[in-house]
Amino acid sequence: MRSSRMALSAAVLGALALPLVSATAATAAPASVPSTMPTVRACERPDPWSVGTQAVAIRSKASAESTWFDILSRGHRFTVHKISGNWHFIKDTVTGAKGWGSGSYVYRNVRMCLN
């Protein structure tokens, strides 16, 4: 009985086997890879973030009702790590303080290349 099951299994597997199809070799040209990465021109690099008013409060939450714990004055440079609505999560590059500042008072200059 065992040998008949094995013969049946082999017959079923044989019936399910697909015929082999010869595949043709790909003839596409290899993708060209630049030897060096393109340089970024100064006019394409974004400027750092800065304060566009006398001062902006850095708050613990993205809300005007939230407690403020630091103030950044005009011209101060910082980094923005995320944006939520009109609030920017700021890290002061000098003191290391982190918190939320209103997007109404901080900005990033935009450059453009003319050539």
PDB file of N, CA and C in Angstrom:
ATOM      1  N   MET A   1       0.824  -1.187   0.000  1.00  0.00           N
ATOM      2  CA  MET A   1       0.000   0.000   0.000  1.00  0.00           C
ATOM      3  C   MET A   1       0.871   1.256   0.000  1.00  0.00           C
ATOM      4  N   ARG A   2       1.950   1.177   0.752  1.00  0.00           N
ATOM      5  CA  ARG A   2       2.842   2.322   0.827  1.00  0.00           C
ATOM      6  C   ARG A   2       3.457   2.617  -0.536  1.00  0.00           C
ATOM      7  N   SER A   3       3.821   1.581  -1.274  1.00  0.00           N
ATOM      8  CA  SER A   3       4.433   1.787  -2.575  1.00  0.00           C
ATOM      9  C   SER A   3       3.428   2.363  -3.572  1.00  0.00           C
ATOM     10  N   SER A   4       2.140   2.007  -3.434  1.00  0.00           N
ATOM     11  CA  SER A   4       1.139   2.576  -4.339  1.00  0.00           C
ATOM     12  C   SER A   4       0.923   4.057  -4.045  1.00  0.00           C
ATOM     13  N   ARG A   5       0.998   4.450  -2.747  1.00  0.00           N
ATOM     14  CA  ARG A   5       0.887   5.882  -2.397  1.00  0.00           C
ATOM     15  C   ARG A   5       2.075   6.656  -2.962  1.00  0.00           C
ATOM     16  N   MET A   6       3.245   6.077  -2.874  1.00  0.00           N
ATOM     17  CA  MET A   6       4.432   6.750  -3.389  1.00  0.00           C
ATOM     18  C   MET A   6       4.336   6.892  -4.900  1.00  0.00           C
ATOM     19  N   ALA A   7       3.826   5.851  -5.575  1.00  0.00           N
ATOM     20  CA  ALA A   7       3.683   5.905  -7.027  1.00  0.00           C
ATOM     21  C   ALA A   7       2.659   6.963  -7.408  1.00  0.00           C
ATOM     22  N   LEU A   8       1.559   7.044  -6.631  1.00  0.00           N
ATOM     23  CA  LEU A   8       0.534   8.045  -6.884  1.00  0.00           C
ATOM     24  C   LEU A   8       1.094   9.442  -6.656  1.00  0.00           C
ATOM     25  N   SER A   9       1.851   9.622  -5.573  1.00  0.00           N
ATOM     26  CA  SER A   9       2.458  10.920  -5.289  1.00  0.00           C
ATOM     27  C   SER A   9       3.411  11.330  -6.396  1.00  0.00           C
ATOM     28  N   ALA A  10       4.193  10.413  -6.887  1.00  0.00           N
ATOM     29  CA  ALA A  10       5.139  10.706  -7.961  1.00  0.00           C
ATOM     30  C   ALA A  10       4.385  11.077  -9.234  1.00  0.00           C
ATOM     31  N   ALA A  11       3.256  10.394  -9.511  1.00  0.00           N
ATOM     32  CA  ALA A  11       2.470  10.693 -10.703  1.00  0.00           C
ATOM     33  C   ALA A  11       1.851  12.079 -10.608  1.00  0.00           C
ATOM     34  N   VAL A  12       1.354  12.420  -9.409  1.00  0.00           N
ATOM     35  CA  VAL A  12       0.746  13.740  -9.220  1.00  0.00           C
ATOM     36  C   VAL A  12       1.801  14.820  -9.370  1.00  0.00           C
ATOM     37  N   LEU A  13       2.956  14.637  -8.726  1.00  0.00           N
ATOM     38  CA  LEU A  13       4.029  15.618  -8.841  1.00  0.00           C
ATOM     39  C   LEU A  13       4.511  15.761 -10.273  1.00  0.00           C
ATOM     40  N   GLY A  14       4.582  14.630 -10.988  1.00  0.00           N
ATOM     41  CA  GLY A  14       5.007  14.686 -12.380  1.00  0.00           C
ATOM     42  C   GLY A  14       4.022  15.470 -13.232  1.00  0.00           C
ATOM     43  N   ALA A  15       2.724  15.337 -12.939  1.00  0.00           N
ATOM     44  CA  ALA A  15       1.702  16.039 -13.698  1.00  0.00           C
ATOM     45  C   ALA A  15       1.736  17.538 -13.408  1.00  0.00           C
ATOM     46  N   LEU A  16       2.162  17.885 -12.190  1.00  0.00           N
ATOM     47  CA  LEU A  16       2.206  19.294 -11.821  1.00  0.00           C
ATOM     48  C   LEU A  16       3.474  20.004 -12.283  1.00  0.00           C
ATOM     49  N   ALA A  17       4.476  19.237 -12.625  1.00  0.00           N
ATOM     50  CA  ALA A  17       5.743  19.847 -13.019  1.00  0.00           C
ATOM     51  C   ALA A  17       5.551  20.621 -14.316  1.00  0.00           C
ATOM     52  N   LEU A  18       6.111  21.794 -14.363  1.00  0.00           N
ATOM     53  CA  LEU A  18       6.030  22.633 -15.554  1.00  0.00           C
ATOM     54  C   LEU A  18       7.213  22.347 -16.456  1.00  0.00           C
ATOM     55  N   PRO A  19       7.000  22.412 -17.744  1.00  0.00           N
ATOM     56  CA  PRO A  19       8.129  22.193 -18.648  1.00  0.00           C
ATOM     57  C   PRO A  19       9.124  23.351 -18.519  1.00  0.00           C
ATOM     58  N   LEU A  20      10.389  23.042 -18.695  1.00  0.00           N
ATOM     59  CA  LEU A  20      11.417  24.080 -18.635  1.00  0.00           C
ATOM     60  C   LEU A  20      11.395  24.887 -19.920  1.00  0.00           C
ATOM     61  N   VAL A  21      11.516  26.169 -19.770  1.00  0.00           N
ATOM     62  CA  VAL A  21      11.560  27.073 -20.918  1.00  0.00           C
ATOM     63  C   VAL A  21      12.931  27.713 -20.912  1.00  0.00           C
ATOM     64  N   SER A  22      13.577  27.698 -22.042  1.00  0.00           N
ATOM     65  CA  SER A  22      14.903  28.312 -22.063  1.00  0.00           C
ATOM     66  C   SER A  22      14.740  29.832 -22.061  1.00  0.00           C
ATOM     67  N   ALA A  23      15.481  30.463 -21.196  1.00  0.00           N
ATOM     68  CA  ALA A  23      15.429  31.918 -21.075  1.00  0.00           C
ATOM     69  C   ALA A  23      16.513  32.521 -21.946  1.00  0.00           C
ATOM     70  N   THR A  24      16.189  33.624 -22.569  1.00  0.00           N
ATOM     71  CA  THR A  24      17.193  34.316 -23.374  1.00  0.00           C
ATOM     72  C   THR A  24      17.969  35.269 -22.487  1.00  0.00           C
ATOM     73  N   ALA A  25      19.186  35.502 -22.831  1.00  0.00           N
ATOM     74  CA  ALA A  25      20.043  36.393 -22.042  1.00  0.00           C
ATOM     75  C   ALA A  25      19.565  37.835 -22.209  1.00  0.00           C
ATOM     76  N   ALA A  26      19.678  38.601 -21.154  1.00  0.00           N
ATOM     77  CA  ALA A  26      19.293  40.010 -21.212  1.00  0.00           C
ATOM     78  C   ALA A  26      20.288  40.757 -22.081  1.00  0.00           C
ATOM     79  N   THR A  27      19.774  41.633 -22.924  1.00  0.00           N
ATOM     80  CA  THR A  27      20.647  42.365 -23.832  1.00  0.00           C
ATOM     81  C   THR A  27      20.696  43.850 -23.511  1.00  0.00           C
ATOM     82  N   ALA A  28      20.116  44.259 -22.382  1.00  0.00           N
ATOM     83  CA  ALA A  28      20.128  45.679 -22.039  1.00  0.00           C
ATOM     84  C   ALA A  28      21.539  46.109 -21.684  1.00  0.00           C
ATOM     85  N   ALA A  29      21.856  47.330 -22.036  1.00  0.00           N
ATOM     86  CA  ALA A  29      23.171  47.877 -21.715  1.00  0.00           C
ATOM     87  C   ALA A  29      23.261  48.131 -20.222  1.00  0.00           C
ATOM     88  N   PRO A  30      24.427  47.941 -19.633  1.00  0.00           N
ATOM     89  CA  PRO A  30      24.557  48.197 -18.198  1.00  0.00           C
ATOM     90  C   PRO A  30      24.346  49.674 -17.888  1.00  0.00           C
ATOM     91  N   ALA A  31      23.758  49.926 -16.734  1.00  0.00           N
ATOM     92  CA  ALA A  31      23.517  51.313 -16.338  1.00  0.00           C
ATOM     93  C   ALA A  31      24.847  51.986 -16.080  1.00  0.00           C
ATOM     94  N   SER A  32      24.979  53.208 -16.581  1.00  0.00           N
ATOM     95  CA  SER A  32      26.231  53.921 -16.351  1.00  0.00           C
ATOM     96  C   SER A  32      26.203  54.559 -14.968  1.00  0.00           C
ATOM     97  N   VAL A  33      27.275  54.412 -14.260  1.00  0.00           N
ATOM     98  CA  VAL A  33      27.397  54.953 -12.917  1.00  0.00           C
ATOM     99  C   VAL A  33      28.432  56.067 -12.967  1.00  0.00           C
ATOM    100  N   PRO A  34      28.055  57.261 -12.506  1.00  0.00           N
ATOM    101  CA  PRO A  34      29.043  58.337 -12.549  1.00  0.00           C
ATOM    102  C   PRO A  34      30.220  58.015 -11.632  1.00  0.00           C
ATOM    103  N   SER A  35      31.410  58.405 -12.069  1.00  0.00           N
ATOM    104  CA  SER A  35      32.602  58.110 -11.277  1.00  0.00           C
ATOM    105  C   SER A  35      32.649  58.948 -10.013  1.00  0.00           C
ATOM    106  N   THR A  36      32.042  60.119 -10.029  1.00  0.00           N
ATOM    107  CA  THR A  36      31.987  60.964  -8.835  1.00  0.00           C
ATOM    108  C   THR A  36      30.573  61.488  -8.678  1.00  0.00           C
ATOM    109  N   MET A  37      30.214  61.784  -7.463  1.00  0.00           N
ATOM    110  CA  MET A  37      28.897  62.362  -7.203  1.00  0.00           C
ATOM    111  C   MET A  37      28.904  63.813  -7.669  1.00  0.00           C
ATOM    112  N   PRO A  38      27.786  64.303  -8.196  1.00  0.00           N
ATOM    113  CA  PRO A  38      27.759  65.706  -8.620  1.00  0.00           C
ATOM    114  C   PRO A  38      27.908  66.617  -7.409  1.00  0.00           C
ATOM    115  N   THR A  39      28.617  67.703  -7.621  1.00  0.00           N
ATOM    116  CA  THR A  39      28.804  68.648  -6.521  1.00  0.00           C
ATOM    117  C   THR A  39      27.575  69.534  -6.399  1.00  0.00           C
ATOM    118  N   VAL A  40      27.288  69.940  -5.178  1.00  0.00           N
ATOM    119  CA  VAL A  40      26.154  70.820  -4.926  1.00  0.00           C
ATOM    120  C   VAL A  40      26.679  72.245  -4.922  1.00  0.00           C
ATOM    121  N   ARG A  41      26.112  73.055  -5.774  1.00  0.00           N
ATOM    122  CA  ARG A  41      26.537  74.447  -5.846  1.00  0.00           C
ATOM    123  C   ARG A  41      26.030  75.209  -4.628  1.00  0.00           C
ATOM    124  N   ALA A  42      26.737  76.256  -4.266  1.00  0.00           N
ATOM    125  CA  ALA A  42      26.384  77.047  -3.083  1.00  0.00           C
ATOM    126  C   ALA A  42      24.966  77.601  -3.189  1.00  0.00           C
ATOM    127  N   CYS A  43      24.534  77.935  -4.398  1.00  0.00           N
ATOM    128  CA  CYS A  43      23.198  78.496  -4.555  1.00  0.00           C
ATOM    129  C   CYS A  43      22.102  77.447  -4.381  1.00  0.00           C
ATOM    130  N   GLU A  44      22.457  76.164  -4.360  1.00  0.00           N
ATOM    131  CA  GLU A  44      21.485  75.100  -4.173  1.00  0.00           C
ATOM    132  C   GLU A  44      21.383  74.637  -2.727  1.00  0.00           C
ATOM    133  N   ARG A  45      22.347  75.002  -1.898  1.00  0.00           N
ATOM    134  CA  ARG A  45      22.330  74.602  -0.489  1.00  0.00           C
ATOM    135  C   ARG A  45      21.383  75.489   0.300  1.00  0.00           C
ATOM    136  N   PRO A  46      20.564  74.897   1.150  1.00  0.00           N
ATOM    137  CA  PRO A  46      19.655  75.727   1.953  1.00  0.00           C
ATOM    138  C   PRO A  46      20.417  76.481   3.043  1.00  0.00           C
ATOM    139  N   ASP A  47      19.955  77.664   3.331  1.00  0.00           N
ATOM    140  CA  ASP A  47      20.533  78.453   4.408  1.00  0.00           C
ATOM    141  C   ASP A  47      20.109  77.872   5.742  1.00  0.00           C
ATOM    142  N   PRO A  48      20.824  78.211   6.806  1.00  0.00           N
ATOM    143  CA  PRO A  48      20.377  77.775   8.130  1.00  0.00           C
ATOM    144  C   PRO A  48      19.116  78.521   8.538  1.00  0.00           C
ATOM    145  N   TRP A  49      18.433  77.997   9.520  1.00  0.00           N
ATOM    146  CA  TRP A  49      17.242  78.639  10.052  1.00  0.00           C
ATOM    147  C   TRP A  49      17.653  79.817  10.918  1.00  0.00           C
ATOM    148  N   SER A  50      16.804  80.828  11.002  1.00  0.00           N
ATOM    149  CA  SER A  50      17.087  81.964  11.870  1.00  0.00           C
ATOM    150  C   SER A  50      15.786  82.591  12.356  1.00  0.00           C
ATOM    151  N   VAL A  51      15.922  83.437  13.373  1.00  0.00           N
ATOM    152  CA  VAL A  51      14.781  84.121  13.978  1.00  0.00           C
ATOM    153  C   VAL A  51      14.509  85.388  13.181  1.00  0.00           C
ATOM    154  N   GLY A  52      13.250  85.599  12.794  1.00  0.00           N
ATOM    155  CA  GLY A  52      12.884  86.737  11.966  1.00  0.00           C
ATOM    156  C   GLY A  52      12.211  87.863  12.724  1.00  0.00           C
ATOM    157  N   THR A  53      12.246  87.861  14.034  1.00  0.00           N
ATOM    158  CA  THR A  53      11.646  88.906  14.855  1.00  0.00           C
ATOM    159  C   THR A  53      12.621  89.219  15.992  1.00  0.00           C
ATOM    160  N   GLN A  54      12.231  90.044  16.929  1.00  0.00           N
ATOM    161  CA  GLN A  54      13.124  90.373  18.049  1.00  0.00           C
ATOM    162  C   GLN A  54      13.534  89.124  18.813  1.00  0.00           C
ATOM    163  N   ALA A  55      12.586  88.247  19.094  1.00  0.00           N
ATOM    164  CA  ALA A  55      12.874  87.014  19.828  1.00  0.00           C
ATOM    165  C   ALA A  55      11.718  86.041  19.640  1.00  0.00           C
ATOM    166  N   VAL A  56      12.015  84.770  19.837  1.00  0.00           N
ATOM    167  CA  VAL A  56      10.982  83.741  19.782  1.00  0.00           C
ATOM    168  C   VAL A  56      11.163  82.829  20.995  1.00  0.00           C
ATOM    169  N   ALA A  57      10.045  82.482  21.621  1.00  0.00           N
ATOM    170  CA  ALA A  57      10.071  81.603  22.795  1.00  0.00           C
ATOM    171  C   ALA A  57      10.159  80.152  22.358  1.00  0.00           C
ATOM    172  N   ILE A  58      10.982  79.398  23.038  1.00  0.00           N
ATOM    173  CA  ILE A  58      11.067  77.961  22.826  1.00  0.00           C
ATOM    174  C   ILE A  58      10.220  77.312  23.909  1.00  0.00           C
ATOM    175  N   ARG A  59       9.240  76.526  23.480  1.00  0.00           N
ATOM    176  CA  ARG A  59       8.248  75.968  24.396  1.00  0.00           C
ATOM    177  C   ARG A  59       8.380  74.458  24.520  1.00  0.00           C
ATOM    178  N   SER A  60       7.818  73.927  25.602  1.00  0.00           N
ATOM    179  CA  SER A  60       7.897  72.488  25.845  1.00  0.00           C
ATOM    180  C   SER A  60       6.950  71.696  24.949  1.00  0.00           C
ATOM    181  N   LYS A  61       5.866  72.322  24.476  1.00  0.00           N
ATOM    182  CA  LYS A  61       4.909  71.675  23.574  1.00  0.00           C
ATOM    183  C   LYS A  61       4.589  72.623  22.425  1.00  0.00           C
ATOM    184  N   ALA A  62       4.034  72.081  21.363  1.00  0.00           N
ATOM    185  CA  ALA A  62       3.679  72.870  20.180  1.00  0.00           C
ATOM    186  C   ALA A  62       2.353  73.588  20.416  1.00  0.00           C
ATOM    187  N   SER A  63       2.371  74.547  21.351  1.00  0.00           N
ATOM    188  CA  SER A  63       1.157  75.277  21.707  1.00  0.00           C
ATOM    189  C   SER A  63       1.546  76.607  22.332  1.00  0.00           C
ATOM    190  N   ALA A  64       0.798  77.659  22.011  1.00  0.00           N
ATOM    191  CA  ALA A  64       1.064  78.976  22.595  1.00  0.00           C
ATOM    192  C   ALA A  64       0.783  78.992  24.093  1.00  0.00           C
ATOM    193  N   GLU A  65      -0.028  78.074  24.583  1.00  0.00           N
ATOM    194  CA  GLU A  65      -0.335  77.999  26.014  1.00  0.00           C
ATOM    195  C   GLU A  65       0.723  77.198  26.778  1.00  0.00           C
ATOM    196  N   SER A  66       1.638  76.566  26.073  1.00  0.00           N
ATOM    197  CA  SER A  66       2.666  75.747  26.704  1.00  0.00           C
ATOM    198  C   SER A  66       3.714  76.627  27.387  1.00  0.00           C
ATOM    199  N   THR A  67       4.351  76.072  28.383  1.00  0.00           N
ATOM    200  CA  THR A  67       5.394  76.777  29.126  1.00  0.00           C
ATOM    201  C   THR A  67       6.614  77.014  28.243  1.00  0.00           C
ATOM    202  N   TRP A  68       7.176  78.229  28.300  1.00  0.00           N
ATOM    203  CA  TRP A  68       8.407  78.484  27.564  1.00  0.00           C
ATOM    204  C   TRP A  68       9.576  78.398  28.529  1.00  0.00           C
ATOM    205  N   PHE A  69      10.719  77.963  28.020  1.00  0.00           N
ATOM    206  CA  PHE A  69      11.882  77.789  28.881  1.00  0.00           C
ATOM    207  C   PHE A  69      13.148  78.395  28.302  1.00  0.00           C
ATOM    208  N   ASP A  70      13.106  78.882  27.068  1.00  0.00           N
ATOM    209  CA  ASP A  70      14.275  79.503  26.450  1.00  0.00           C
ATOM    210  C   ASP A  70      13.794  80.517  25.426  1.00  0.00           C
ATOM    211  N   ILE A  71      14.650  81.476  25.117  1.00  0.00           N
ATOM    212  CA  ILE A  71      14.327  82.487  24.111  1.00  0.00           C
ATOM    213  C   ILE A  71      15.484  82.575  23.132  1.00  0.00           C
ATOM    214  N   LEU A  72      15.144  82.583  21.857  1.00  0.00           N
ATOM    215  CA  LEU A  72      16.144  82.796  20.817  1.00  0.00           C
ATOM    216  C   LEU A  72      15.963  84.195  20.273  1.00  0.00           C
ATOM    217  N   SER A  73      17.028  84.951  20.178  1.00  0.00           N
ATOM    218  CA  SER A  73      16.935  86.329  19.708  1.00  0.00           C
ATOM    219  C   SER A  73      17.187  86.424  18.208  1.00  0.00           C
ATOM    220  N   ARG A  74      16.941  87.605  17.641  1.00  0.00           N
ATOM    221  CA  ARG A  74      17.085  87.851  16.195  1.00  0.00           C
ATOM    222  C   ARG A  74      18.478  87.439  15.718  1.00  0.00           C
ATOM    223  N   GLY A  75      18.502  86.782  14.591  1.00  0.00           N
ATOM    224  CA  GLY A  75      19.762  86.369  13.978  1.00  0.00           C
ATOM    225  C   GLY A  75      20.341  85.080  14.541  1.00  0.00           C
ATOM    226  N   HIS A  76      19.743  84.546  15.580  1.00  0.00           N
ATOM    227  CA  HIS A  76      20.234  83.309  16.185  1.00  0.00           C
ATOM    228  C   HIS A  76      20.063  82.151  15.214  1.00  0.00           C
ATOM    229  N   ARG A  77      21.040  81.273  15.143  1.00  0.00           N
ATOM    230  CA  ARG A  77      20.988  80.111  14.252  1.00  0.00           C
ATOM    231  C   ARG A  77      20.625  78.857  15.048  1.00  0.00           C
ATOM    232  N   PHE A  78      19.873  77.975  14.410  1.00  0.00           N
ATOM    233  CA  PHE A  78      19.437  76.741  15.049  1.00  0.00           C
ATOM    234  C   PHE A  78      19.071  75.740  13.972  1.00  0.00           C
ATOM    235  N   THR A  79      18.762  74.532  14.367  1.00  0.00           N
ATOM    236  CA  THR A  79      18.321  73.510  13.418  1.00  0.00           C
ATOM    237  C   THR A  79      16.871  73.150  13.708  1.00  0.00           C
ATOM    238  N   VAL A  80      16.148  72.771  12.678  1.00  0.00           N
ATOM    239  CA  VAL A  80      14.760  72.334  12.810  1.00  0.00           C
ATOM    240  C   VAL A  80      14.723  70.845  12.490  1.00  0.00           C
ATOM    241  N   HIS A  81      14.169  70.057  13.420  1.00  0.00           N
ATOM    242  CA  HIS A  81      14.152  68.610  13.246  1.00  0.00           C
ATOM    243  C   HIS A  81      12.814  68.072  12.761  1.00  0.00           C
ATOM    244  N   LYS A  82      11.722  68.776  13.035  1.00  0.00           N
ATOM    245  CA  LYS A  82      10.423  68.384  12.479  1.00  0.00           C
ATOM    246  C   LYS A  82       9.482  69.569  12.560  1.00  0.00           C
ATOM    247  N   ILE A  83       8.424  69.486  11.772  1.00  0.00           N
ATOM    248  CA  ILE A  83       7.427  70.552  11.714  1.00  0.00           C
ATOM    249  C   ILE A  83       6.061  69.928  11.941  1.00  0.00           C
ATOM    250  N   SER A  84       5.269  70.554  12.792  1.00  0.00           N
ATOM    251  CA  SER A  84       3.913  70.101  13.078  1.00  0.00           C
ATOM    252  C   SER A  84       2.998  71.311  12.973  1.00  0.00           C
ATOM    253  N   GLY A  85       2.253  71.381  11.875  1.00  0.00           N
ATOM    254  CA  GLY A  85       1.422  72.566  11.647  1.00  0.00           C
ATOM    255  C   GLY A  85       2.318  73.773  11.477  1.00  0.00           C
ATOM    256  N   ASN A  86       2.082  74.804  12.287  1.00  0.00           N
ATOM    257  CA  ASN A  86       2.917  76.008  12.231  1.00  0.00           C
ATOM    258  C   ASN A  86       3.959  76.021  13.348  1.00  0.00           C
ATOM    259  N   TRP A  87       4.277  74.866  13.920  1.00  0.00           N
ATOM    260  CA  TRP A  87       5.269  74.758  14.988  1.00  0.00           C
ATOM    261  C   TRP A  87       6.470  73.974  14.502  1.00  0.00           C
ATOM    262  N   HIS A  88       7.661  74.441  14.890  1.00  0.00           N
ATOM    263  CA  HIS A  88       8.919  73.819  14.485  1.00  0.00           C
ATOM    264  C   HIS A  88       9.641  73.304  15.730  1.00  0.00           C
ATOM    265  N   PHE A  89      10.072  72.030  15.678  1.00  0.00           N
ATOM    266  CA  PHE A  89      10.861  71.485  16.774  1.00  0.00           C
ATOM    267  C   PHE A  89      12.304  71.906  16.539  1.00  0.00           C
ATOM    268  N   ILE A  90      12.821  72.744  17.435  1.00  0.00           N
ATOM    269  CA  ILE A  90      14.089  73.433  17.266  1.00  0.00           C
ATOM    270  C   ILE A  90      15.140  72.859  18.205  1.00  0.00           C
ATOM    271  N   LYS A  91      16.377  72.801  17.699  1.00  0.00           N
ATOM    272  CA  LYS A  91      17.522  72.508  18.570  1.00  0.00           C
ATOM    273  C   LYS A  91      18.495  73.665  18.419  1.00  0.00           C
ATOM    274  N   ASP A  92      18.768  74.324  19.538  1.00  0.00           N
ATOM    275  CA  ASP A  92      19.722  75.425  19.576  1.00  0.00           C
ATOM    276  C   ASP A  92      21.116  74.839  19.405  1.00  0.00           C
ATOM    277  N   THR A  93      21.837  75.276  18.378  1.00  0.00           N
ATOM    278  CA  THR A  93      23.156  74.710  18.104  1.00  0.00           C
ATOM    279  C   THR A  93      24.215  75.178  19.095  1.00  0.00           C
ATOM    280  N   VAL A  94      23.943  76.242  19.844  1.00  0.00           N
ATOM    281  CA  VAL A  94      24.910  76.750  20.825  1.00  0.00           C
ATOM    282  C   VAL A  94      24.696  76.102  22.185  1.00  0.00           C
ATOM    283  N   THR A  95      23.481  76.164  22.699  1.00  0.00           N
ATOM    284  CA  THR A  95      23.211  75.667  24.051  1.00  0.00           C
ATOM    285  C   THR A  95      22.733  74.220  24.083  1.00  0.00           C
ATOM    286  N   GLY A  96      22.238  73.700  22.960  1.00  0.00           N
ATOM    287  CA  GLY A  96      21.724  72.340  22.919  1.00  0.00           C
ATOM    288  C   GLY A  96      20.275  72.225  23.370  1.00  0.00           C
ATOM    289  N   ALA A  97      19.643  73.355  23.722  1.00  0.00           N
ATOM    290  CA  ALA A  97      18.245  73.337  24.155  1.00  0.00           C
ATOM    291  C   ALA A  97      17.351  72.881  23.006  1.00  0.00           C
ATOM    292  N   LYS A  98      16.326  72.078  23.343  1.00  0.00           N
ATOM    293  CA  LYS A  98      15.385  71.574  22.342  1.00  0.00           C
ATOM    294  C   LYS A  98      13.976  71.938  22.760  1.00  0.00           C
ATOM    295  N   GLY A  99      13.146  72.329  21.794  1.00  0.00           N
ATOM    296  CA  GLY A  99      11.758  72.636  22.085  1.00  0.00           C
ATOM    297  C   GLY A  99      11.053  73.145  20.849  1.00  0.00           C
ATOM    298  N   TRP A 100       9.832  73.620  21.030  1.00  0.00           N
ATOM    299  CA  TRP A 100       8.975  74.057  19.926  1.00  0.00           C
ATOM    300  C   TRP A 100       8.978  75.577  19.809  1.00  0.00           C
ATOM    301  N   GLY A 101       9.085  76.057  18.581  1.00  0.00           N
ATOM    302  CA  GLY A 101       9.005  77.484  18.293  1.00  0.00           C
ATOM    303  C   GLY A 101       7.969  77.720  17.216  1.00  0.00           C
ATOM    304  N   SER A 102       7.322  78.874  17.271  1.00  0.00           N
ATOM    305  CA  SER A 102       6.284  79.194  16.295  1.00  0.00           C
ATOM    306  C   SER A 102       6.894  79.446  14.914  1.00  0.00           C
ATOM    307  N   GLY A 103       6.301  78.831  13.902  1.00  0.00           N
ATOM    308  CA  GLY A 103       6.749  79.021  12.529  1.00  0.00           C
ATOM    309  C   GLY A 103       6.474  80.410  12.001  1.00  0.00           C
ATOM    310  N   SER A 104       5.713  81.200  12.724  1.00  0.00           N
ATOM    311  CA  SER A 104       5.456  82.580  12.309  1.00  0.00           C
ATOM    312  C   SER A 104       6.671  83.471  12.522  1.00  0.00           C
ATOM    313  N   TYR A 105       7.618  83.026  13.348  1.00  0.00           N
ATOM    314  CA  TYR A 105       8.750  83.867  13.716  1.00  0.00           C
ATOM    315  C   TYR A 105      10.101  83.311  13.309  1.00  0.00           C
ATOM    316  N   VAL A 106      10.126  82.132  12.747  1.00  0.00           N
ATOM    317  CA  VAL A 106      11.390  81.573  12.274  1.00  0.00           C
ATOM    318  C   VAL A 106      11.293  81.319  10.778  1.00  0.00           C
ATOM    319  N   TYR A 107      12.403  81.410  10.098  1.00  0.00           N
ATOM    320  CA  TYR A 107      12.385  81.228   8.652  1.00  0.00           C
ATOM    321  C   TYR A 107      13.716  80.677   8.178  1.00  0.00           C
ATOM    322  N   ARG A 108      13.714  80.303   6.926  1.00  0.00           N
ATOM    323  CA  ARG A 108      14.914  79.823   6.243  1.00  0.00           C
ATOM    324  C   ARG A 108      15.007  80.580   4.934  1.00  0.00           C
ATOM    325  N   ASN A 109      16.108  81.249   4.721  1.00  0.00           N
ATOM    326  CA  ASN A 109      16.300  81.937   3.446  1.00  0.00           C
ATOM    327  C   ASN A 109      16.313  80.923   2.318  1.00  0.00           C
ATOM    328  N   VAL A 110      15.804  81.327   1.178  1.00  0.00           N
ATOM    329  CA  VAL A 110      15.771  80.455   0.009  1.00  0.00           C
ATOM    330  C   VAL A 110      16.697  81.034  -1.039  1.00  0.00           C
ATOM    331  N   ARG A 111      17.563  80.204  -1.558  1.00  0.00           N
ATOM    332  CA  ARG A 111      18.472  80.631  -2.618  1.00  0.00           C
ATOM    333  C   ARG A 111      17.994  80.037  -3.928  1.00  0.00           C
ATOM    334  N   MET A 112      18.428  80.643  -5.015  1.00  0.00           N
ATOM    335  CA  MET A 112      18.150  80.034  -6.311  1.00  0.00           C
ATOM    336  C   MET A 112      19.322  80.278  -7.234  1.00  0.00           C
ATOM    337  N   CYS A 113      19.579  79.339  -8.093  1.00  0.00           N
ATOM    338  CA  CYS A 113      20.651  79.444  -9.064  1.00  0.00           C
ATOM    339  C   CYS A 113      20.098  80.098 -10.330  1.00  0.00           C
ATOM    340  N   LEU A 114      20.793  81.071 -10.840  1.00  0.00           N
ATOM    341  CA  LEU A 114      20.309  81.771 -12.030  1.00  0.00           C
ATOM    342  C   LEU A 114      20.888  81.204 -13.328  1.00  0.00           C
ATOM    343  N   ASN A 115      21.794  80.266 -13.227  1.00  0.00           N
ATOM    344  CA  ASN A 115      22.347  79.679 -14.442  1.00  0.00           C
ATOM    345  C   ASN A 115      22.078  78.217 -14.512  1.00  0.00           C
TER     346      ASN A 115
END
